[in-house]
Protein backbone atom coordinates (compact mmCIF):
# COMPACT_ATOMS: atom_id res chain seq x y z
CA UNK A 1 54.24 -22.69 25.39
CA UNK A 2 50.43 -22.51 25.65
CA UNK A 3 50.00 -24.13 22.10
CA UNK A 4 50.48 -27.97 21.97
CA UNK A 5 54.09 -28.72 20.81
CA UNK A 6 54.90 -32.58 19.06
CA UNK A 7 58.17 -33.43 17.09
CA UNK A 8 58.12 -36.73 15.35
CA UNK A 9 61.02 -38.23 13.19
CA UNK A 10 61.23 -39.20 9.69
CA UNK A 11 59.11 -42.42 10.43
CA UNK A 12 56.33 -39.83 11.93
CA UNK A 13 56.96 -41.43 15.16
CA UNK A 14 56.57 -38.92 18.43
CA UNK A 15 59.89 -37.87 19.70
CA UNK A 16 58.67 -35.15 22.25
CA UNK A 17 55.60 -33.43 23.22
CA UNK A 18 54.80 -30.34 25.96
CA UNK A 19 52.27 -30.61 28.87
CA UNK A 20 49.78 -28.30 26.64
CA UNK A 21 49.98 -31.51 23.98
CA UNK A 22 49.27 -33.97 26.80
CA UNK A 23 46.32 -31.96 27.76
CA UNK A 24 44.96 -31.20 24.45
CA UNK A 25 45.19 -35.12 23.39
CA UNK A 26 44.68 -36.86 26.59
CA UNK A 27 47.78 -38.69 26.62
CA UNK A 28 51.22 -38.63 28.67
CA UNK A 29 54.43 -37.68 26.63
CA UNK A 30 55.46 -41.20 28.31
CA UNK A 31 52.79 -43.00 26.69
CA UNK A 32 52.96 -41.05 23.70
CA UNK A 33 56.84 -41.22 22.55
CA UNK A 34 57.80 -43.65 19.79
CA UNK A 35 53.80 -43.92 18.88
CA UNK A 36 52.68 -43.01 15.17
CA UNK A 37 51.22 -39.19 15.15
CA UNK A 38 48.57 -40.11 13.30
CA UNK A 39 47.21 -42.50 16.04
CA UNK A 40 47.36 -39.67 18.82
CA UNK A 41 45.78 -36.71 16.71
CA UNK A 42 42.97 -39.06 14.86
CA UNK A 43 42.69 -36.17 12.13
CA UNK A 44 41.04 -36.57 9.07
CA UNK A 45 44.19 -35.19 7.01
CA UNK A 46 46.30 -38.66 8.27
CA UNK A 47 47.52 -40.13 5.29
CA UNK A 48 47.30 -38.55 1.93
CA UNK A 49 47.13 -35.03 3.02
CA UNK A 50 49.78 -35.30 6.19
CA UNK A 51 51.24 -32.01 6.94
CA UNK A 52 54.34 -33.77 8.28
CA UNK A 53 55.10 -35.91 5.30
CA UNK A 54 54.61 -32.64 3.40
CA UNK A 55 57.27 -30.88 5.38
CA UNK A 56 59.65 -33.70 5.38
CA UNK A 57 59.34 -34.47 1.59
CA UNK A 58 58.96 -30.81 0.17
CA UNK A 59 60.58 -28.99 3.26
CA UNK A 60 57.15 -26.68 2.92
CA UNK A 61 55.96 -24.98 6.18
CA UNK A 62 52.14 -25.64 6.72
CA UNK A 63 51.03 -22.77 8.37
CA UNK A 64 47.37 -22.16 10.12
CA UNK A 65 46.28 -25.79 8.46
CA UNK A 66 42.87 -25.96 10.29
CA UNK A 67 41.80 -29.34 11.14
CA UNK A 68 39.54 -31.45 13.29
CA UNK A 69 41.45 -34.11 15.38
CA UNK A 70 40.16 -36.64 18.30
CA UNK A 71 41.81 -36.98 21.28
CA UNK A 72 41.98 -40.01 23.53
CA UNK A 73 38.24 -39.44 24.98
CA UNK A 74 36.95 -39.52 21.27
CA UNK A 75 36.32 -36.07 21.32
CA UNK A 76 36.54 -33.79 17.96
CA UNK A 77 38.51 -30.61 18.76
CA UNK A 78 38.96 -27.87 15.99
CA UNK A 79 42.27 -27.02 15.64
CA UNK A 80 45.24 -24.90 13.71
CA UNK A 81 48.41 -26.74 13.07
CA UNK A 82 51.69 -24.95 12.19
CA UNK A 83 54.48 -27.68 10.84
CA UNK A 84 58.31 -27.11 10.36
CA UNK A 85 61.39 -28.88 9.62
CA UNK A 86 64.14 -30.13 12.79
CA UNK A 87 67.58 -29.92 11.65
CA UNK A 88 70.87 -30.93 13.73
CA UNK A 89 73.58 -28.95 13.91
CA UNK A 90 74.94 -30.11 10.16
CA UNK A 91 71.76 -28.69 8.53
CA UNK A 92 70.26 -32.79 8.14
CA UNK A 93 66.49 -33.15 8.64
CA UNK A 94 66.07 -35.05 11.71
CA UNK A 95 62.22 -34.45 12.02
CA UNK A 96 59.21 -32.27 12.25
CA UNK A 97 57.73 -29.96 14.75
CA UNK A 98 54.06 -29.54 14.90
CA UNK A 99 52.32 -26.57 16.65
CA UNK A 100 48.99 -27.23 17.46
CA UNK A 101 46.34 -24.47 18.66
CA UNK A 102 43.11 -24.85 20.02
CA UNK A 103 40.99 -22.62 18.22
CA UNK A 104 37.56 -23.49 19.80
CA UNK A 105 37.86 -19.84 22.01
CA UNK A 106 38.12 -18.41 18.70
CA UNK A 107 35.70 -20.15 16.77
CA UNK A 108 33.31 -19.54 19.95
CA UNK A 109 33.92 -15.82 19.81
CA UNK A 110 33.24 -15.85 15.91
CA UNK A 111 30.09 -17.68 16.52
CA UNK A 112 28.38 -15.61 19.22
CA UNK A 113 29.88 -12.39 16.97
CA UNK A 114 27.83 -14.07 14.03
CA UNK A 115 24.83 -14.66 16.42
CA UNK A 116 25.06 -10.82 17.63
CA UNK A 117 24.94 -9.70 13.97
CA UNK A 118 22.37 -11.86 13.01
CA UNK A 119 20.07 -10.83 16.11
CA UNK A 120 20.65 -7.39 15.17
CA UNK A 121 19.54 -7.69 11.93
CA UNK A 122 16.62 -9.65 13.27
CA UNK A 123 15.76 -6.58 15.43
CA UNK A 124 16.42 -3.92 12.50
CA UNK A 125 13.90 -6.30 10.26
CA UNK A 126 11.61 -6.15 13.03
CA UNK A 127 12.22 -2.51 13.39
CA UNK A 128 11.34 -1.84 9.89
CA UNK A 129 8.45 -4.29 9.93
CA UNK A 130 6.73 -2.59 12.64
CA UNK A 131 7.20 0.93 11.21
CA UNK A 132 5.93 -0.04 7.90
CA UNK A 133 2.93 -2.10 9.40
CA UNK A 134 1.52 1.03 11.11
CA UNK A 135 0.31 1.85 7.57
CA UNK A 136 -0.24 -0.43 4.63
CA UNK A 137 -1.26 1.52 1.61
CA UNK A 138 -3.97 4.09 3.13
CA UNK A 139 -4.82 1.86 6.14
CA UNK A 140 -3.44 2.67 9.29
CA UNK A 141 -3.40 0.62 12.48
CA UNK A 142 -0.93 -0.66 15.12
CA UNK A 143 -3.20 -2.81 16.90
CA UNK A 144 -2.97 -6.55 17.18
CA UNK A 145 -6.10 -7.04 15.27
CA UNK A 146 -4.76 -4.80 12.39
CA UNK A 147 -1.58 -6.70 12.56
CA UNK A 148 -3.55 -9.74 11.67
CA UNK A 149 -5.37 -8.08 8.85
CA UNK A 150 -2.03 -6.36 7.41
CA UNK A 151 -0.46 -9.80 7.74
CA UNK A 152 -3.25 -11.38 5.52
CA UNK A 153 -3.40 -8.74 2.65
CA UNK A 154 0.55 -9.33 2.29
CA UNK A 155 0.06 -13.07 2.06
CA UNK A 156 -3.29 -13.01 -0.26
CA UNK A 157 -1.91 -10.25 -2.56
CA UNK A 158 0.88 -12.97 -3.67
CA UNK A 159 -1.93 -14.71 -5.43
CA UNK A 160 -5.07 -14.37 -7.24
CA UNK A 161 -7.24 -16.12 -4.74
CA UNK A 162 -10.85 -14.79 -4.27
CA UNK A 163 -11.19 -12.63 -0.87
CA UNK A 164 -14.47 -12.12 1.00
CA UNK A 165 -13.95 -8.93 3.35
CA UNK A 166 -16.62 -8.98 6.22
CA UNK A 167 -16.83 -5.83 8.90
CA UNK A 168 -19.53 -3.69 9.65
CA UNK A 169 -20.40 -0.43 7.96
CA UNK A 170 -17.81 1.94 7.82
CA UNK A 171 -14.67 0.19 8.67
CA UNK A 172 -12.60 0.41 5.53
CA UNK A 173 -13.71 -2.66 3.78
CA UNK A 174 -13.27 -0.63 0.09
CA UNK A 175 -9.98 0.46 1.66
CA UNK A 176 -8.88 -3.18 2.16
CA UNK A 177 -9.86 -4.54 -1.02
CA UNK A 178 -8.03 -1.43 -2.97
CA UNK A 179 -4.87 -2.09 -0.87
CA UNK A 180 -4.98 -5.70 -1.53
CA UNK A 181 -4.95 -4.88 -5.38
CA UNK A 182 -2.35 -1.75 -4.53
CA UNK A 183 0.30 -4.41 -3.21
CA UNK A 184 -0.38 -7.68 -5.69
CA UNK A 185 1.13 -8.18 -9.15
CA UNK A 186 -2.26 -6.79 -10.65
CA UNK A 187 -1.44 -3.27 -9.52
CA UNK A 188 -0.71 -2.21 -12.68
CA UNK A 189 -4.45 -3.41 -13.70
CA UNK A 190 -7.72 -1.71 -13.41
CA UNK A 191 -9.44 -1.75 -9.95
CA UNK A 192 -13.34 -1.45 -10.90
CA UNK A 193 -15.94 -1.28 -7.86
CA UNK A 194 -19.23 -2.26 -8.19
CA UNK A 195 -21.72 -1.19 -5.31
CA UNK A 196 -24.35 -4.13 -5.57
CA UNK A 197 -26.64 -2.53 -2.96
CA UNK A 198 -27.29 0.73 -4.79
CA UNK A 199 -28.04 -0.90 -8.31
CA UNK A 200 -31.88 -2.14 -8.77
CA UNK A 201 -31.27 -5.79 -10.67
CA UNK A 202 -31.78 -4.94 -14.05
CA UNK A 203 -29.31 -2.55 -14.06
CA UNK A 204 -26.79 -4.49 -12.14
CA UNK A 205 -26.64 -7.09 -14.63
CA UNK A 206 -26.13 -4.87 -17.31
CA UNK A 207 -23.25 -3.16 -14.97
CA UNK A 208 -21.68 -6.49 -14.44
CA UNK A 209 -21.97 -8.07 -17.45
CA UNK A 210 -22.61 -5.23 -20.10
CA UNK A 211 -25.12 -5.27 -22.87
CA UNK A 212 -25.66 -5.10 -26.85
CA UNK A 213 -27.45 -2.87 -28.67
CA UNK A 214 -31.07 -3.13 -28.65
CA UNK A 215 -30.92 -5.46 -25.62
CA UNK A 216 -33.47 -3.39 -23.95
CA UNK A 217 -34.99 0.10 -24.19
CA UNK A 218 -32.10 2.52 -24.11
CA UNK A 219 -29.57 0.39 -25.27
CA UNK A 220 -28.62 2.09 -28.07
CA UNK A 221 -24.98 1.19 -28.56
CA UNK A 222 -23.08 -2.08 -27.06
CA UNK A 223 -21.49 -1.69 -23.68
CA UNK A 224 -18.75 -3.48 -21.83
CA UNK A 225 -19.68 -4.22 -18.64
CA UNK A 226 -17.22 -3.70 -15.36
CA UNK A 227 -15.91 -7.51 -15.74
CA UNK A 228 -14.87 -6.41 -18.95
CA UNK A 229 -12.85 -3.34 -17.65
CA UNK A 230 -11.51 -5.08 -14.66
CA UNK A 231 -9.78 -7.71 -17.58
CA UNK A 232 -5.80 -8.32 -16.20
CA UNK A 233 -7.05 -6.20 -12.97
CA UNK A 234 -9.22 -6.83 -10.04
CA UNK A 235 -13.11 -6.26 -9.54
CA UNK A 236 -14.57 -5.28 -6.18
CA UNK A 237 -17.87 -6.50 -5.15
CA UNK A 238 -19.17 -4.30 -2.52
CA UNK A 239 -22.14 -5.53 -0.22
CA UNK A 240 -22.44 -8.64 -2.53
CA UNK A 241 -24.98 -10.08 0.14
CA UNK A 242 -27.52 -7.69 -1.44
CA UNK A 243 -27.53 -9.33 -4.81
CA UNK A 244 -30.62 -11.08 -6.00
CA UNK A 245 -30.73 -14.92 -6.70
CA UNK A 246 -30.74 -14.44 -10.49
CA UNK A 247 -27.66 -12.49 -10.39
CA UNK A 248 -26.14 -14.67 -8.05
CA UNK A 249 -26.51 -17.61 -10.49
CA UNK A 250 -24.48 -15.55 -13.23
CA UNK A 251 -21.95 -14.58 -10.72
CA UNK A 252 -21.15 -17.78 -9.89
CA UNK A 253 -20.52 -18.97 -13.56
CA UNK A 254 -18.07 -16.15 -13.66
CA UNK A 255 -16.13 -17.29 -10.79
CA UNK A 256 -15.92 -20.75 -11.85
CA UNK A 257 -15.32 -20.32 -15.30
CA UNK A 258 -14.27 -16.66 -15.96
CA UNK A 259 -16.89 -16.10 -18.65
CA UNK A 260 -20.10 -14.88 -19.17
CA UNK A 261 -22.12 -13.15 -22.01
CA UNK A 262 -23.58 -9.73 -21.95
CA UNK A 263 -27.08 -8.83 -21.65
CA UNK A 264 -28.87 -9.82 -24.95
CA UNK A 265 -25.65 -10.84 -26.50
CA UNK A 266 -24.91 -14.80 -27.06
CA UNK A 267 -20.95 -14.32 -27.58
CA UNK A 268 -19.19 -15.90 -24.67
CA UNK A 269 -16.63 -13.71 -23.47
CA UNK A 270 -13.47 -14.43 -21.27
CA UNK A 271 -11.65 -12.68 -18.67
CA UNK A 272 -8.69 -12.78 -16.41
CA UNK A 273 -9.61 -10.79 -13.37
CA UNK A 274 -9.36 -10.92 -9.51
CA UNK A 275 -12.52 -11.10 -7.42
CA UNK A 276 -12.59 -9.02 -4.15
CA UNK A 277 -16.40 -9.07 -2.50
CA UNK A 278 -17.39 -7.30 0.66
CA UNK A 279 -20.44 -7.66 3.00
CA UNK A 280 -21.69 -6.56 6.33
CA UNK A 281 -24.35 -9.08 6.70
CA UNK A 282 -23.89 -12.70 7.90
CA UNK A 283 -23.68 -14.67 4.85
CA UNK A 284 -23.72 -18.00 6.55
CA UNK A 285 -27.29 -17.12 8.07
CA UNK A 286 -28.61 -15.69 4.60
CA UNK A 287 -27.64 -19.07 3.28
CA UNK A 288 -29.46 -20.89 5.74
CA UNK A 289 -32.38 -18.76 5.01
CA UNK A 290 -32.40 -19.57 1.49
CA UNK A 291 -31.65 -15.94 0.93
CA UNK A 292 -28.03 -16.56 -0.71
CA UNK A 293 -27.11 -19.32 -2.40
CA UNK A 294 -24.44 -22.13 -1.03
CA UNK A 295 -21.97 -22.68 -3.78
CA UNK A 296 -21.69 -18.85 -4.50
CA UNK A 297 -20.66 -18.45 -0.62
CA UNK A 298 -18.08 -20.94 -0.84
CA UNK A 299 -16.52 -19.50 -4.32
CA UNK A 300 -16.49 -16.31 -2.50
CA UNK A 301 -15.27 -17.40 1.20
CA UNK A 302 -11.96 -18.70 -0.40
CA UNK A 303 -10.14 -16.14 1.99
CA UNK A 304 -12.11 -14.66 4.87
CA UNK A 305 -10.88 -11.09 5.82
CA UNK A 306 -12.38 -9.58 9.06
CA UNK A 307 -11.95 -5.81 9.38
CA UNK A 308 -12.61 -5.27 13.32
CA UNK A 309 -14.70 -2.11 14.45
CA UNK A 310 -13.12 0.94 16.15
CA UNK A 311 -14.46 0.21 19.30
CA UNK A 312 -12.17 -3.01 19.35
CA UNK A 313 -9.18 -1.34 18.24
CA UNK A 314 -9.26 2.05 19.90
CA UNK A 315 -5.13 2.25 20.33
CA UNK A 316 -5.44 2.72 16.68
CA UNK A 317 -7.49 5.83 16.99
CA UNK A 318 -4.48 8.15 17.40
CA UNK A 319 -2.55 7.37 14.02
CA UNK A 320 -6.01 7.70 12.47
CA UNK A 321 -6.61 10.73 13.36
CA UNK A 322 -3.36 12.18 12.69
CA UNK A 323 -3.57 10.29 9.39
CA UNK A 324 -6.86 11.84 8.62
CA UNK A 325 -5.91 15.21 9.64
CA UNK A 326 -2.71 15.05 7.24
CA UNK A 327 -5.34 14.30 4.21
CA UNK A 328 -7.56 17.33 5.49
CA UNK A 329 -4.53 19.71 5.75
CA UNK A 330 -3.72 18.89 2.13
CA UNK A 331 -7.19 19.88 0.94
CA UNK A 332 -7.65 22.70 3.05
CA UNK A 333 -4.12 23.86 2.33
CA UNK A 334 -3.31 24.45 5.79
CA UNK A 335 0.64 23.76 7.11
CA UNK A 336 -1.09 21.63 10.02
CA UNK A 337 -3.96 20.55 11.89
CA UNK A 338 -3.98 19.12 15.60
CA UNK A 339 -6.13 17.66 18.23
CA UNK A 340 -6.05 18.97 21.68
CA UNK A 341 -5.52 16.47 24.58
CA UNK A 342 -9.12 16.75 26.03
CA UNK A 343 -10.45 16.39 22.56
CA UNK A 344 -8.53 13.06 22.39
CA UNK A 345 -9.76 11.90 25.53
CA UNK A 346 -13.36 12.19 24.23
CA UNK A 347 -12.08 10.20 20.91
CA UNK A 348 -10.80 7.48 22.73
CA UNK A 349 -13.92 6.87 24.82
CA UNK A 350 -16.55 7.22 22.30
CA UNK A 351 -17.80 3.68 20.67
CA UNK A 352 -17.78 4.71 17.14
CA UNK A 353 -20.88 2.50 15.97
CA UNK A 354 -20.10 4.19 12.38
CA UNK A 355 -16.54 2.99 12.85
CA UNK A 356 -13.21 5.13 10.83
CA UNK A 357 -15.97 6.49 8.54
CA UNK A 358 -17.63 8.29 11.52
CA UNK A 359 -14.32 9.41 12.77
CA UNK A 360 -13.49 11.16 9.68
CA UNK A 361 -16.89 12.92 9.52
CA UNK A 362 -16.48 13.88 13.17
CA UNK A 363 -12.96 15.53 12.70
CA UNK A 364 -14.46 17.46 9.49
CA UNK A 365 -16.94 18.52 11.51
CA UNK A 366 -15.03 19.45 13.91
CA UNK A 367 -12.56 21.62 12.00
CA UNK A 368 -15.62 23.56 10.39
CA UNK A 369 -16.86 24.45 13.69
CA UNK A 370 -13.82 25.57 15.61
CA UNK A 371 -12.70 27.92 12.66
CA UNK A 372 -9.14 27.28 13.49
CA UNK A 373 -6.41 24.35 13.00
CA UNK A 374 -6.81 22.78 16.47
CA UNK A 375 -9.66 20.63 17.40
CA UNK A 376 -11.24 21.20 21.01
CA UNK A 377 -13.28 18.62 22.88
CA UNK A 378 -16.32 21.49 22.75
CA UNK A 379 -15.89 21.53 18.63
CA UNK A 380 -16.54 17.91 18.20
CA UNK A 381 -20.57 16.69 17.62
CA UNK A 382 -22.13 16.71 20.77
CA UNK A 383 -23.28 13.11 20.76
CA UNK A 384 -19.81 12.11 20.71
CA UNK A 385 -19.09 14.59 23.66
CA UNK A 386 -21.86 12.53 25.56
CA UNK A 387 -20.10 9.42 25.11
CA UNK A 388 -17.65 10.40 27.35
CA UNK A 389 -19.54 11.93 29.89
CA UNK A 390 -22.66 9.46 30.21
CA UNK A 391 -21.24 7.97 33.27
CA UNK A 392 -20.90 11.04 34.60
CA UNK A 393 -24.30 13.05 34.73
CA UNK A 394 -27.69 11.92 33.89
CA UNK A 395 -28.82 11.54 30.34
CA UNK A 396 -31.00 14.08 28.80
CA UNK A 397 -34.35 13.39 27.76
CA UNK A 398 -34.91 11.47 24.50
CA UNK A 399 -36.55 14.07 22.80
CA UNK A 400 -33.64 16.41 23.46
CA UNK A 401 -30.95 13.86 22.27
CA UNK A 402 -32.86 13.27 18.71
CA UNK A 403 -33.34 17.16 18.24
CA UNK A 404 -29.50 17.53 19.12
CA UNK A 405 -28.89 14.52 16.49
CA UNK A 406 -31.02 15.89 13.65
CA UNK A 407 -29.32 19.39 13.92
CA UNK A 408 -25.99 17.95 13.73
CA UNK A 409 -26.81 15.82 10.96
CA UNK A 410 -28.21 18.80 8.75
CA UNK A 411 -25.00 20.80 9.66
CA UNK A 412 -22.70 18.11 8.67
CA UNK A 413 -24.68 17.44 5.45
CA UNK A 414 -24.77 21.38 4.54
CA UNK A 415 -20.66 21.08 5.42
CA UNK A 416 -20.57 17.75 3.02
CA UNK A 417 -22.67 19.28 0.03
CA UNK A 418 -20.83 22.68 0.41
CA UNK A 419 -24.60 24.51 1.09
CA UNK A 420 -26.36 22.78 -1.97
CA UNK A 421 -29.98 22.51 -0.30
CA UNK A 422 -30.85 20.08 -3.18
CA UNK A 423 -27.74 17.97 -2.47
CA UNK A 424 -28.59 18.26 1.02
CA UNK A 425 -32.23 17.31 0.94
CA UNK A 426 -31.19 14.42 -1.13
CA UNK A 427 -28.92 12.84 0.79
CA UNK A 428 -30.94 13.58 4.10
CA UNK A 429 -34.21 11.68 2.08
CA UNK A 430 -36.33 14.54 2.62
CA UNK A 431 -37.92 17.28 0.46
CA UNK A 432 -36.44 20.96 0.14
CA UNK A 433 -39.57 22.33 2.02
CA UNK A 434 -39.07 19.80 4.88
CA UNK A 435 -35.39 20.62 4.89
CA UNK A 436 -36.57 24.65 5.11
CA UNK A 437 -39.08 23.95 7.96
CA UNK A 438 -36.05 21.48 9.98
CA UNK A 439 -33.57 24.55 9.03
CA UNK A 440 -35.84 27.32 10.63
CA UNK A 441 -36.88 24.82 13.71
CA UNK A 442 -32.70 24.44 14.15
CA UNK A 443 -32.00 28.07 13.69
CA UNK A 444 -30.30 27.59 10.89
CA UNK A 445 -31.20 29.90 8.07
CA UNK A 446 -29.31 32.96 7.18
CA UNK A 447 -30.58 36.21 8.36
């Protein structure tokens, strides 16, 4: 038999054992005969829970009694023991037979199976993670740098810690801030944005903290500020590096105490708000030069997240293009929009100083120019095409490049403003008469 077999008498002394038992326990039958079986198997069940005595006294059969025995070498071996009474021809009890099976191979197989199941689960989890993390909210990116950003977003979203987002213009700092809010426990609360760079100091203070009636000329009624509006939600301070020193002092108090007074008011207000700030400025340098308060910087710089420029993560360009075209297709009520292979080659070569914002504008411009559903290399803005050809042909005269870029910018603004000339002139920072002259020079006048 492959299983170990031992017989014992009423006194639990060994009366016989087979070769398998000798090999398992590590003792010859001649040496084992007459000895207590407990001395040989060294199991934790010997004594109070002894299966031999249970069979002898109660006539029970113990099937698959799983224990660990200790062999002659001191090695503990997991086994399954089955016991039964031995009787003579007269039906009298004369002993107990033990069948002992080494279950290490079975346990090894089960362990290997369990490890395989765990590995499959881990691989499936990794796959789900990879599929999920190519897009987090409205943010898109499969590169290692964007994976780090996604990981940080998921970490900071679990708390109310202040976050400072840094990165070049057009990298998507505002989108990152809204994504943090969208995956946090405050997602049901308001998300309030303040553009610190576009508001003058007096107006910015009122926008941030609100004002009371009569606080200044034109304050005809009480008005809540953005911090009040963001209560139980998130406030996003975009381009925080542009605020004046006097506003910095008041902002510092809000970050420290979550308290403030409206402009012209005396009542102290408290808010429960999470603060996220963003800047494309070098704030540590601004601190050294005395343009930004050091204590405010460290209040904002609790968890810094840097959004990498597009030129450092070009593998994200294809998914960004697809994502942008899906959004444009929905706006244009088109079934699908695509990019030709030669156009994608051009997009991959260009360095994108305007980052994701420039990429989105270039795709929108190209769709208007092509008039179809597929963007070709020829429909892309000319300066983007030149980026891929710069190494192959000599550059054009500077005056020609400037003229071309000016024409492309006017066309882009005309598309963006839907032909409203006053809006185009304002966006370009020129008067309508100047705009007319430029359109005439670039042959952009109707008729």
